[in-house]
């Protein structure tokens, strides 16, 4: 059974690495709070995940909505505070795994196909800025404090240029900057903030990238383990990085890729 005082909050919980983290922390005895944006056709996957988490003994509470909407975020943080008040629980770990953004050329041969300003701004808002706002609101609500861990999922796209990846690459670079700033500001509160860079992982988000098959082929050639990173690899690692002995590790970008990036 999960400890009613220990909770993981996953932003982007319904699939991919977010779901892998939810499963790993449930197995480690955490209650699971999940934020996701799913419509009718993807609802069965969310229900299957919730069922798996409960079978692992975890208490589960999911919220379906737009994590980048200010009013919805504020209402959801209040709902989380109400939900945890009865047990004296708090958010011990926040995982930011939002992977909703626009893909396309910044210039391109055809101006009509280039990324629009609204798409650019939405991508940065969802995939980067939301980390700062969720962290701020959780701290101010008294839900995230001494010993807390914040992890933001980034990618190799922070350092590399891929066709049509420009808006997401920019968002990941902003995410790195936010991790450094939050690490500075939250150190006096005993909260650590780190970015986590998985290797290429076969997720729904990866398969939306034009040419994703090439990324998989390259990763399989480079990774010394001869396989792709899995959501479970990342989730299990974050469980260990959430233990008390990592309290002096903050403001970093941590590779969880089996050596893939250094073999490039």
C-alpha atoms as a PDB file:
ATOM      1  CA  UNK A   1       0.000   0.000   0.000  1.00  0.00           C
ATOM      2  CA  UNK A   2       1.100   3.562  -0.626  1.00  0.00           C
ATOM      3  CA  UNK A   3       2.184   5.842   2.202  1.00  0.00           C
ATOM      4  CA  UNK A   4      -0.658   8.401   2.591  1.00  0.00           C
ATOM      5  CA  UNK A   5       1.912  11.095   3.355  1.00  0.00           C
ATOM      6  CA  UNK A   6       4.117  10.612   0.232  1.00  0.00           C
ATOM      7  CA  UNK A   7       2.860  11.732  -3.155  1.00  0.00           C
ATOM      8  CA  UNK A   8       4.148  12.097  -6.680  1.00  0.00           C
ATOM      9  CA  UNK A   9       2.587  14.704  -8.960  1.00  0.00           C
ATOM     10  CA  UNK A  10       3.128  14.009 -12.667  1.00  0.00           C
ATOM     11  CA  UNK A  11       2.311  16.660 -15.258  1.00  0.00           C
ATOM     12  CA  UNK A  12       1.690  14.673 -18.437  1.00  0.00           C
ATOM     13  CA  UNK A  13       0.840  11.411 -16.687  1.00  0.00           C
ATOM     14  CA  UNK A  14      -1.216   9.564 -19.265  1.00  0.00           C
ATOM     15  CA  UNK A  15       1.469   8.060 -21.521  1.00  0.00           C
ATOM     16  CA  UNK A  16       5.164   7.765 -22.277  1.00  0.00           C
ATOM     17  CA  UNK A  17       7.688   8.765 -19.631  1.00  0.00           C
ATOM     18  CA  UNK A  18       5.050  10.388 -17.424  1.00  0.00           C
ATOM     19  CA  UNK A  19       3.175   7.091 -17.197  1.00  0.00           C
ATOM     20  CA  UNK A  20       6.438   5.208 -16.632  1.00  0.00           C
ATOM     21  CA  UNK A  21       7.245   7.492 -13.706  1.00  0.00           C
ATOM     22  CA  UNK A  22       3.772   6.995 -12.246  1.00  0.00           C
ATOM     23  CA  UNK A  23       4.200   3.213 -12.323  1.00  0.00           C
ATOM     24  CA  UNK A  24       7.701   3.305 -10.805  1.00  0.00           C
ATOM     25  CA  UNK A  25       6.696   5.587  -7.934  1.00  0.00           C
ATOM     26  CA  UNK A  26       3.547   3.564  -7.268  1.00  0.00           C
ATOM     27  CA  UNK A  27       5.712   0.460  -6.889  1.00  0.00           C
ATOM     28  CA  UNK A  28       7.923   2.449  -4.478  1.00  0.00           C
ATOM     29  CA  UNK A  29       4.945   3.223  -2.228  1.00  0.00           C
ATOM     30  CA  UNK A  30       3.938   6.722  -3.338  1.00  0.00           C
ATOM     31  CA  UNK A  31       0.426   7.942  -3.919  1.00  0.00           C
ATOM     32  CA  UNK A  32       0.015   9.237  -7.476  1.00  0.00           C
ATOM     33  CA  UNK A  33      -1.458  12.564  -8.546  1.00  0.00           C
ATOM     34  CA  UNK A  34      -1.663  12.826 -12.314  1.00  0.00           C
ATOM     35  CA  UNK A  35      -2.406  15.760 -14.608  1.00  0.00           C
ATOM     36  CA  UNK A  36      -3.255  14.925 -18.206  1.00  0.00           C
ATOM     37  CA  UNK A  37      -5.131  16.296 -21.198  1.00  0.00           C
ATOM     38  CA  UNK A  38      -6.950  13.449 -22.888  1.00  0.00           C
ATOM     39  CA  UNK A  39      -9.971  13.236 -25.081  1.00  0.00           C
ATOM     40  CA  UNK A  40     -12.423  10.421 -25.637  1.00  0.00           C
ATOM     41  CA  UNK A  41     -10.202   8.363 -27.957  1.00  0.00           C
ATOM     42  CA  UNK A  42      -7.295   8.262 -25.483  1.00  0.00           C
ATOM     43  CA  UNK A  43      -9.358   7.802 -22.331  1.00  0.00           C
ATOM     44  CA  UNK A  44      -8.976   3.967 -22.321  1.00  0.00           C
ATOM     45  CA  UNK A  45      -5.189   4.315 -21.931  1.00  0.00           C
ATOM     46  CA  UNK A  46      -5.659   6.611 -18.936  1.00  0.00           C
ATOM     47  CA  UNK A  47      -8.129   4.206 -17.335  1.00  0.00           C
ATOM     48  CA  UNK A  48      -5.722   1.304 -17.892  1.00  0.00           C
ATOM     49  CA  UNK A  49      -2.918   3.254 -16.203  1.00  0.00           C
ATOM     50  CA  UNK A  50      -5.108   4.130 -13.218  1.00  0.00           C
ATOM     51  CA  UNK A  51      -6.041   0.457 -12.889  1.00  0.00           C
ATOM     52  CA  UNK A  52      -2.384  -0.620 -12.983  1.00  0.00           C
ATOM     53  CA  UNK A  53      -1.458   1.920 -10.309  1.00  0.00           C
ATOM     54  CA  UNK A  54      -4.220   0.765  -7.986  1.00  0.00           C
ATOM     55  CA  UNK A  55      -3.193  -2.856  -8.506  1.00  0.00           C
ATOM     56  CA  UNK A  56       0.271  -1.794  -7.333  1.00  0.00           C
ATOM     57  CA  UNK A  57      -1.339  -0.570  -4.104  1.00  0.00           C
ATOM     58  CA  UNK A  58      -1.223   3.154  -4.848  1.00  0.00           C
ATOM     59  CA  UNK A  59      -3.856   5.716  -4.043  1.00  0.00           C
ATOM     60  CA  UNK A  60      -4.584   7.558  -7.293  1.00  0.00           C
ATOM     61  CA  UNK A  61      -6.130  10.909  -8.147  1.00  0.00           C
ATOM     62  CA  UNK A  62      -6.057  12.142 -11.756  1.00  0.00           C
ATOM     63  CA  UNK A  63      -7.060  15.545 -13.139  1.00  0.00           C
ATOM     64  CA  UNK A  64      -7.984  16.017 -16.807  1.00  0.00           C
ATOM     65  CA  UNK A  65      -7.393  19.513 -18.164  1.00  0.00           C
ATOM     66  CA  UNK A  66      -5.049  22.029 -19.731  1.00  0.00           C
ATOM     67  CA  UNK A  67      -1.984  22.236 -17.468  1.00  0.00           C
ATOM     68  CA  UNK A  68      -0.958  25.549 -19.077  1.00  0.00           C
ATOM     69  CA  UNK A  69      -4.219  27.318 -18.241  1.00  0.00           C
ATOM     70  CA  UNK A  70      -3.746  29.622 -15.245  1.00  0.00           C
ATOM     71  CA  UNK A  71      -7.271  29.317 -13.847  1.00  0.00           C
ATOM     72  CA  UNK A  72      -7.359  25.538 -14.260  1.00  0.00           C
ATOM     73  CA  UNK A  73      -3.938  25.158 -12.649  1.00  0.00           C
ATOM     74  CA  UNK A  74      -4.967  27.282  -9.669  1.00  0.00           C
ATOM     75  CA  UNK A  75      -8.174  25.284  -9.179  1.00  0.00           C
ATOM     76  CA  UNK A  76      -6.305  21.988  -9.487  1.00  0.00           C
ATOM     77  CA  UNK A  77      -3.660  22.959  -6.929  1.00  0.00           C
ATOM     78  CA  UNK A  78      -6.478  23.822  -4.520  1.00  0.00           C
ATOM     79  CA  UNK A  79      -8.148  20.480  -5.264  1.00  0.00           C
ATOM     80  CA  UNK A  80      -4.857  18.698  -4.521  1.00  0.00           C
ATOM     81  CA  UNK A  81      -4.502  20.577  -1.239  1.00  0.00           C
ATOM     82  CA  UNK A  82      -8.018  19.537  -0.257  1.00  0.00           C
ATOM     83  CA  UNK A  83      -7.373  15.935  -1.262  1.00  0.00           C
ATOM     84  CA  UNK A  84      -4.157  15.693   0.785  1.00  0.00           C
ATOM     85  CA  UNK A  85      -5.368  17.618   3.818  1.00  0.00           C
ATOM     86  CA  UNK A  86      -7.080  14.596   5.375  1.00  0.00           C
ATOM     87  CA  UNK A  87      -3.899  12.515   5.482  1.00  0.00           C
ATOM     88  CA  UNK A  88      -1.362  15.238   6.161  1.00  0.00           C
ATOM     89  CA  UNK A  89       0.264  14.357   2.854  1.00  0.00           C
ATOM     90  CA  UNK A  90       2.210  16.626   0.544  1.00  0.00           C
ATOM     91  CA  UNK A  91       3.784  16.566  -2.906  1.00  0.00           C
ATOM     92  CA  UNK A  92       7.218  15.051  -2.331  1.00  0.00           C
ATOM     93  CA  UNK A  93       8.099  14.836  -6.028  1.00  0.00           C
ATOM     94  CA  UNK A  94       6.971  16.885  -9.032  1.00  0.00           C
ATOM     95  CA  UNK A  95       7.712  15.478 -12.492  1.00  0.00           C
ATOM     96  CA  UNK A  96       7.155  17.857 -15.422  1.00  0.00           C
ATOM     97  CA  UNK A  97       6.616  15.636 -18.477  1.00  0.00           C
ATOM     98  CA  UNK A  98       4.366  17.776 -20.668  1.00  0.00           C
ATOM     99  CA  UNK A  99       5.047  16.912 -24.313  1.00  0.00           C
ATOM    100  CA  UNK A 100       2.447  18.907 -26.237  1.00  0.00           C
ATOM    101  CA  UNK A 101       3.911  21.359 -28.742  1.00  0.00           C
ATOM    102  CA  UNK A 102       4.057  22.380 -32.382  1.00  0.00           C
ATOM    103  CA  UNK A 103       6.492  20.887 -34.855  1.00  0.00           C
ATOM    104  CA  UNK A 104       7.402  22.598 -38.100  1.00  0.00           C
ATOM    105  CA  UNK A 105       9.938  24.834 -39.841  1.00  0.00           C
ATOM    106  CA  UNK A 106      10.662  28.308 -38.506  1.00  0.00           C
ATOM    107  CA  UNK A 107      11.202  29.605 -42.052  1.00  0.00           C
ATOM    108  CA  UNK A 108      10.700  26.816 -44.582  1.00  0.00           C
ATOM    109  CA  UNK A 109      10.271  26.964 -48.337  1.00  0.00           C
ATOM    110  CA  UNK A 110       6.567  27.783 -47.966  1.00  0.00           C
ATOM    111  CA  UNK A 111       5.610  30.534 -45.518  1.00  0.00           C
ATOM    112  CA  UNK A 112       2.156  29.012 -45.119  1.00  0.00           C
ATOM    113  CA  UNK A 113       3.696  25.880 -43.568  1.00  0.00           C
ATOM    114  CA  UNK A 114       5.993  27.727 -41.156  1.00  0.00           C
ATOM    115  CA  UNK A 115       5.204  27.707 -37.430  1.00  0.00           C
ATOM    116  CA  UNK A 116       2.808  30.512 -36.492  1.00  0.00           C
ATOM    117  CA  UNK A 117       3.436  32.851 -33.558  1.00  0.00           C
ATOM    118  CA  UNK A 118       0.512  31.324 -31.642  1.00  0.00           C
ATOM    119  CA  UNK A 119       1.978  27.831 -32.083  1.00  0.00           C
ATOM    120  CA  UNK A 120       5.419  29.050 -30.997  1.00  0.00           C
ATOM    121  CA  UNK A 121       4.063  30.730 -27.870  1.00  0.00           C
ATOM    122  CA  UNK A 122       1.869  27.747 -26.981  1.00  0.00           C
ATOM    123  CA  UNK A 123       4.838  25.365 -27.232  1.00  0.00           C
ATOM    124  CA  UNK A 124       7.007  27.461 -24.914  1.00  0.00           C
ATOM    125  CA  UNK A 125       4.123  27.967 -22.496  1.00  0.00           C
ATOM    126  CA  UNK A 126       3.189  24.277 -22.202  1.00  0.00           C
ATOM    127  CA  UNK A 127       6.620  22.668 -22.410  1.00  0.00           C
ATOM    128  CA  UNK A 128       8.654  25.222 -20.437  1.00  0.00           C
ATOM    129  CA  UNK A 129       6.928  28.108 -18.641  1.00  0.00           C
ATOM    130  CA  UNK A 130       4.392  25.821 -16.976  1.00  0.00           C
ATOM    131  CA  UNK A 131       7.217  24.295 -14.912  1.00  0.00           C
ATOM    132  CA  UNK A 132       7.790  27.614 -13.134  1.00  0.00           C
ATOM    133  CA  UNK A 133       4.098  28.305 -12.531  1.00  0.00           C
ATOM    134  CA  UNK A 134       3.253  24.836 -11.180  1.00  0.00           C
ATOM    135  CA  UNK A 135       6.310  24.868  -8.912  1.00  0.00           C
ATOM    136  CA  UNK A 136       5.491  28.352  -7.620  1.00  0.00           C
ATOM    137  CA  UNK A 137       1.851  27.506  -6.905  1.00  0.00           C
ATOM    138  CA  UNK A 138       2.704  24.250  -5.119  1.00  0.00           C
ATOM    139  CA  UNK A 139       5.266  26.010  -2.906  1.00  0.00           C
ATOM    140  CA  UNK A 140       2.894  28.854  -2.054  1.00  0.00           C
ATOM    141  CA  UNK A 141       0.125  26.351  -1.267  1.00  0.00           C
ATOM    142  CA  UNK A 142       2.409  24.618   1.241  1.00  0.00           C
ATOM    143  CA  UNK A 143       2.345  21.398  -0.779  1.00  0.00           C
ATOM    144  CA  UNK A 144       6.031  21.319  -1.815  1.00  0.00           C
ATOM    145  CA  UNK A 145       8.685  21.991   0.791  1.00  0.00           C
ATOM    146  CA  UNK A 146      11.743  20.697   2.645  1.00  0.00           C
ATOM    147  CA  UNK A 147      13.079  17.572   0.948  1.00  0.00           C
ATOM    148  CA  UNK A 148      10.975  18.115  -2.158  1.00  0.00           C
ATOM    149  CA  UNK A 149      12.211  17.068  -5.588  1.00  0.00           C
ATOM    150  CA  UNK A 150      11.370  18.691  -8.934  1.00  0.00           C
ATOM    151  CA  UNK A 151      12.318  16.965 -12.182  1.00  0.00           C
ATOM    152  CA  UNK A 152      11.803  18.438 -15.667  1.00  0.00           C
ATOM    153  CA  UNK A 153      12.038  16.140 -18.684  1.00  0.00           C
ATOM    154  CA  UNK A 154      14.248  17.543 -21.420  1.00  0.00           C
ATOM    155  CA  UNK A 155      15.839  15.983 -24.524  1.00  0.00           C
ATOM    156  CA  UNK A 156      18.901  15.921 -26.758  1.00  0.00           C
ATOM    157  CA  UNK A 157      17.102  18.587 -28.776  1.00  0.00           C
ATOM    158  CA  UNK A 158      18.371  21.121 -26.250  1.00  0.00           C
ATOM    159  CA  UNK A 159      21.780  20.893 -27.922  1.00  0.00           C
ATOM    160  CA  UNK A 160      20.981  19.512 -31.388  1.00  0.00           C
ATOM    161  CA  UNK A 161      18.990  20.800 -34.360  1.00  0.00           C
ATOM    162  CA  UNK A 162      16.535  18.428 -36.050  1.00  0.00           C
ATOM    163  CA  UNK A 163      14.168  19.222 -38.937  1.00  0.00           C
ATOM    164  CA  UNK A 164      10.851  20.697 -37.717  1.00  0.00           C
ATOM    165  CA  UNK A 165      11.958  20.499 -34.061  1.00  0.00           C
ATOM    166  CA  UNK A 166      12.703  24.236 -33.648  1.00  0.00           C
ATOM    167  CA  UNK A 167       9.840  25.257 -31.321  1.00  0.00           C
ATOM    168  CA  UNK A 168      10.318  22.230 -29.055  1.00  0.00           C
ATOM    169  CA  UNK A 169      14.110  22.652 -29.060  1.00  0.00           C
ATOM    170  CA  UNK A 170      13.663  26.261 -27.938  1.00  0.00           C
ATOM    171  CA  UNK A 171      11.255  25.158 -25.199  1.00  0.00           C
ATOM    172  CA  UNK A 172      13.783  22.626 -23.918  1.00  0.00           C
ATOM    173  CA  UNK A 173      16.490  25.310 -23.800  1.00  0.00           C
ATOM    174  CA  UNK A 174      14.144  27.563 -21.805  1.00  0.00           C
ATOM    175  CA  UNK A 175      13.414  24.599 -19.518  1.00  0.00           C
ATOM    176  CA  UNK A 176      17.138  24.284 -18.749  1.00  0.00           C
ATOM    177  CA  UNK A 177      17.290  27.969 -17.795  1.00  0.00           C
ATOM    178  CA  UNK A 178      14.227  27.631 -15.565  1.00  0.00           C
ATOM    179  CA  UNK A 179      15.755  24.623 -13.806  1.00  0.00           C
ATOM    180  CA  UNK A 180      18.854  26.650 -12.952  1.00  0.00           C
ATOM    181  CA  UNK A 181      16.804  29.606 -11.692  1.00  0.00           C
ATOM    182  CA  UNK A 182      14.413  27.480  -9.645  1.00  0.00           C
ATOM    183  CA  UNK A 183      17.343  25.567  -8.146  1.00  0.00           C
ATOM    184  CA  UNK A 184      18.764  28.889  -6.956  1.00  0.00           C
ATOM    185  CA  UNK A 185      15.506  30.220  -5.546  1.00  0.00           C
ATOM    186  CA  UNK A 186      14.343  26.990  -3.888  1.00  0.00           C
ATOM    187  CA  UNK A 187      17.647  25.952  -2.296  1.00  0.00           C
ATOM    188  CA  UNK A 188      16.847  27.859   0.958  1.00  0.00           C
ATOM    189  CA  UNK A 189      13.606  25.850   1.169  1.00  0.00           C
ATOM    190  CA  UNK A 190      15.420  22.517   0.835  1.00  0.00           C
ATOM    191  CA  UNK A 191      13.883  21.730  -2.573  1.00  0.00           C
ATOM    192  CA  UNK A 192      16.056  20.411  -5.395  1.00  0.00           C
ATOM    193  CA  UNK A 193      15.359  21.043  -9.089  1.00  0.00           C
ATOM    194  CA  UNK A 194      16.981  19.080 -11.901  1.00  0.00           C
ATOM    195  CA  UNK A 195      16.433  18.476 -15.598  1.00  0.00           C
ATOM    196  CA  UNK A 196      16.468  14.854 -16.755  1.00  0.00           C
ATOM    197  CA  UNK A 197      17.553  13.971 -20.299  1.00  0.00           C
ATOM    198  CA  UNK A 198      16.458  10.471 -21.299  1.00  0.00           C
ATOM    199  CA  UNK A 199      17.834   8.734 -24.337  1.00  0.00           C
ATOM    200  CA  UNK A 200      15.598   8.277 -27.359  1.00  0.00           C
ATOM    201  CA  UNK A 201      12.444   6.640 -26.007  1.00  0.00           C
ATOM    202  CA  UNK A 202       9.649   5.155 -28.120  1.00  0.00           C
ATOM    203  CA  UNK A 203       6.687   7.200 -26.922  1.00  0.00           C
ATOM    204  CA  UNK A 204       3.670   8.843 -28.613  1.00  0.00           C
ATOM    205  CA  UNK A 205       5.524  12.176 -28.401  1.00  0.00           C
ATOM    206  CA  UNK A 206       8.535  10.761 -30.275  1.00  0.00           C
ATOM    207  CA  UNK A 207       6.321   9.401 -33.036  1.00  0.00           C
ATOM    208  CA  UNK A 208       4.944  12.876 -33.715  1.00  0.00           C
ATOM    209  CA  UNK A 209       8.403  14.121 -34.726  1.00  0.00           C
ATOM    210  CA  UNK A 210       8.925  14.041 -38.509  1.00  0.00           C
ATOM    211  CA  UNK A 211      11.664  11.525 -39.245  1.00  0.00           C
ATOM    212  CA  UNK A 212      11.399   9.834 -35.855  1.00  0.00           C
ATOM    213  CA  UNK A 213      12.397   6.502 -37.404  1.00  0.00           C
ATOM    214  CA  UNK A 214      15.833   7.947 -38.186  1.00  0.00           C
ATOM    215  CA  UNK A 215      16.239   9.070 -34.557  1.00  0.00           C
ATOM    216  CA  UNK A 216      15.485   5.523 -33.416  1.00  0.00           C
ATOM    217  CA  UNK A 217      17.975   4.010 -35.870  1.00  0.00           C
ATOM    218  CA  UNK A 218      20.707   6.407 -34.771  1.00  0.00           C
ATOM    219  CA  UNK A 219      20.024   5.762 -31.084  1.00  0.00           C
ATOM    220  CA  UNK A 220      20.195   2.001 -31.546  1.00  0.00           C
ATOM    221  CA  UNK A 221      23.583   2.366 -33.266  1.00  0.00           C
ATOM    222  CA  UNK A 222      24.984   4.728 -30.617  1.00  0.00           C
ATOM    223  CA  UNK A 223      23.681   3.274 -27.382  1.00  0.00           C
ATOM    224  CA  UNK A 224      26.280   0.911 -25.907  1.00  0.00           C
ATOM    225  CA  UNK A 225      23.460  -1.226 -24.490  1.00  0.00           C
ATOM    226  CA  UNK A 226      22.079  -1.820 -27.969  1.00  0.00           C
ATOM    227  CA  UNK A 227      18.543  -0.748 -27.121  1.00  0.00           C
ATOM    228  CA  UNK A 228      16.391   2.331 -26.629  1.00  0.00           C
ATOM    229  CA  UNK A 229      15.694   3.948 -23.279  1.00  0.00           C
ATOM    230  CA  UNK A 230      12.312   2.941 -21.812  1.00  0.00           C
ATOM    231  CA  UNK A 231       9.895   4.938 -19.635  1.00  0.00           C
ATOM    232  CA  UNK A 232      10.568   2.390 -16.902  1.00  0.00           C
ATOM    233  CA  UNK A 233      14.322   3.141 -17.035  1.00  0.00           C
ATOM    234  CA  UNK A 234      13.580   6.789 -16.348  1.00  0.00           C
ATOM    235  CA  UNK A 235      10.943   6.168 -13.691  1.00  0.00           C
ATOM    236  CA  UNK A 236      13.123   3.819 -11.635  1.00  0.00           C
ATOM    237  CA  UNK A 237      16.030   6.267 -11.806  1.00  0.00           C
ATOM    238  CA  UNK A 238      13.880   9.143 -10.556  1.00  0.00           C
ATOM    239  CA  UNK A 239      12.674   7.049  -7.632  1.00  0.00           C
ATOM    240  CA  UNK A 240      16.300   6.647  -6.539  1.00  0.00           C
ATOM    241  CA  UNK A 241      17.081  10.327  -7.199  1.00  0.00           C
ATOM    242  CA  UNK A 242      14.210  11.242  -4.869  1.00  0.00           C
ATOM    243  CA  UNK A 243      15.838   9.679  -1.813  1.00  0.00           C
ATOM    244  CA  UNK A 244      17.178  11.941   0.981  1.00  0.00           C
ATOM    245  CA  UNK A 245      20.824  11.342   0.045  1.00  0.00           C
ATOM    246  CA  UNK A 246      20.477  13.426  -3.142  1.00  0.00           C
ATOM    247  CA  UNK A 247      19.607  16.671  -1.354  1.00  0.00           C
ATOM    248  CA  UNK A 248      22.894  18.318  -2.428  1.00  0.00           C
ATOM    249  CA  UNK A 249      22.341  17.642  -6.136  1.00  0.00           C
ATOM    250  CA  UNK A 250      20.434  20.474  -7.798  1.00  0.00           C
ATOM    251  CA  UNK A 251      20.485  22.685 -10.887  1.00  0.00           C
ATOM    252  CA  UNK A 252      21.768  19.912 -13.180  1.00  0.00           C
ATOM    253  CA  UNK A 253      20.849  18.275 -16.437  1.00  0.00           C
ATOM    254  CA  UNK A 254      21.110  14.552 -15.727  1.00  0.00           C
ATOM    255  CA  UNK A 255      21.403  12.039 -18.563  1.00  0.00           C
ATOM    256  CA  UNK A 256      19.380   8.859 -18.115  1.00  0.00           C
ATOM    257  CA  UNK A 257      20.259   7.210 -21.415  1.00  0.00           C
ATOM    258  CA  UNK A 258      22.546   4.223 -20.848  1.00  0.00           C
ATOM    259  CA  UNK A 259      25.490   6.153 -22.281  1.00  0.00           C
ATOM    260  CA  UNK A 260      23.790   7.054 -25.547  1.00  0.00           C
ATOM    261  CA  UNK A 261      24.681  10.749 -25.611  1.00  0.00           C
ATOM    262  CA  UNK A 262      28.366  10.317 -24.803  1.00  0.00           C
ATOM    263  CA  UNK A 263      28.723   7.774 -27.616  1.00  0.00           C
ATOM    264  CA  UNK A 264      27.562  10.237 -30.278  1.00  0.00           C
END
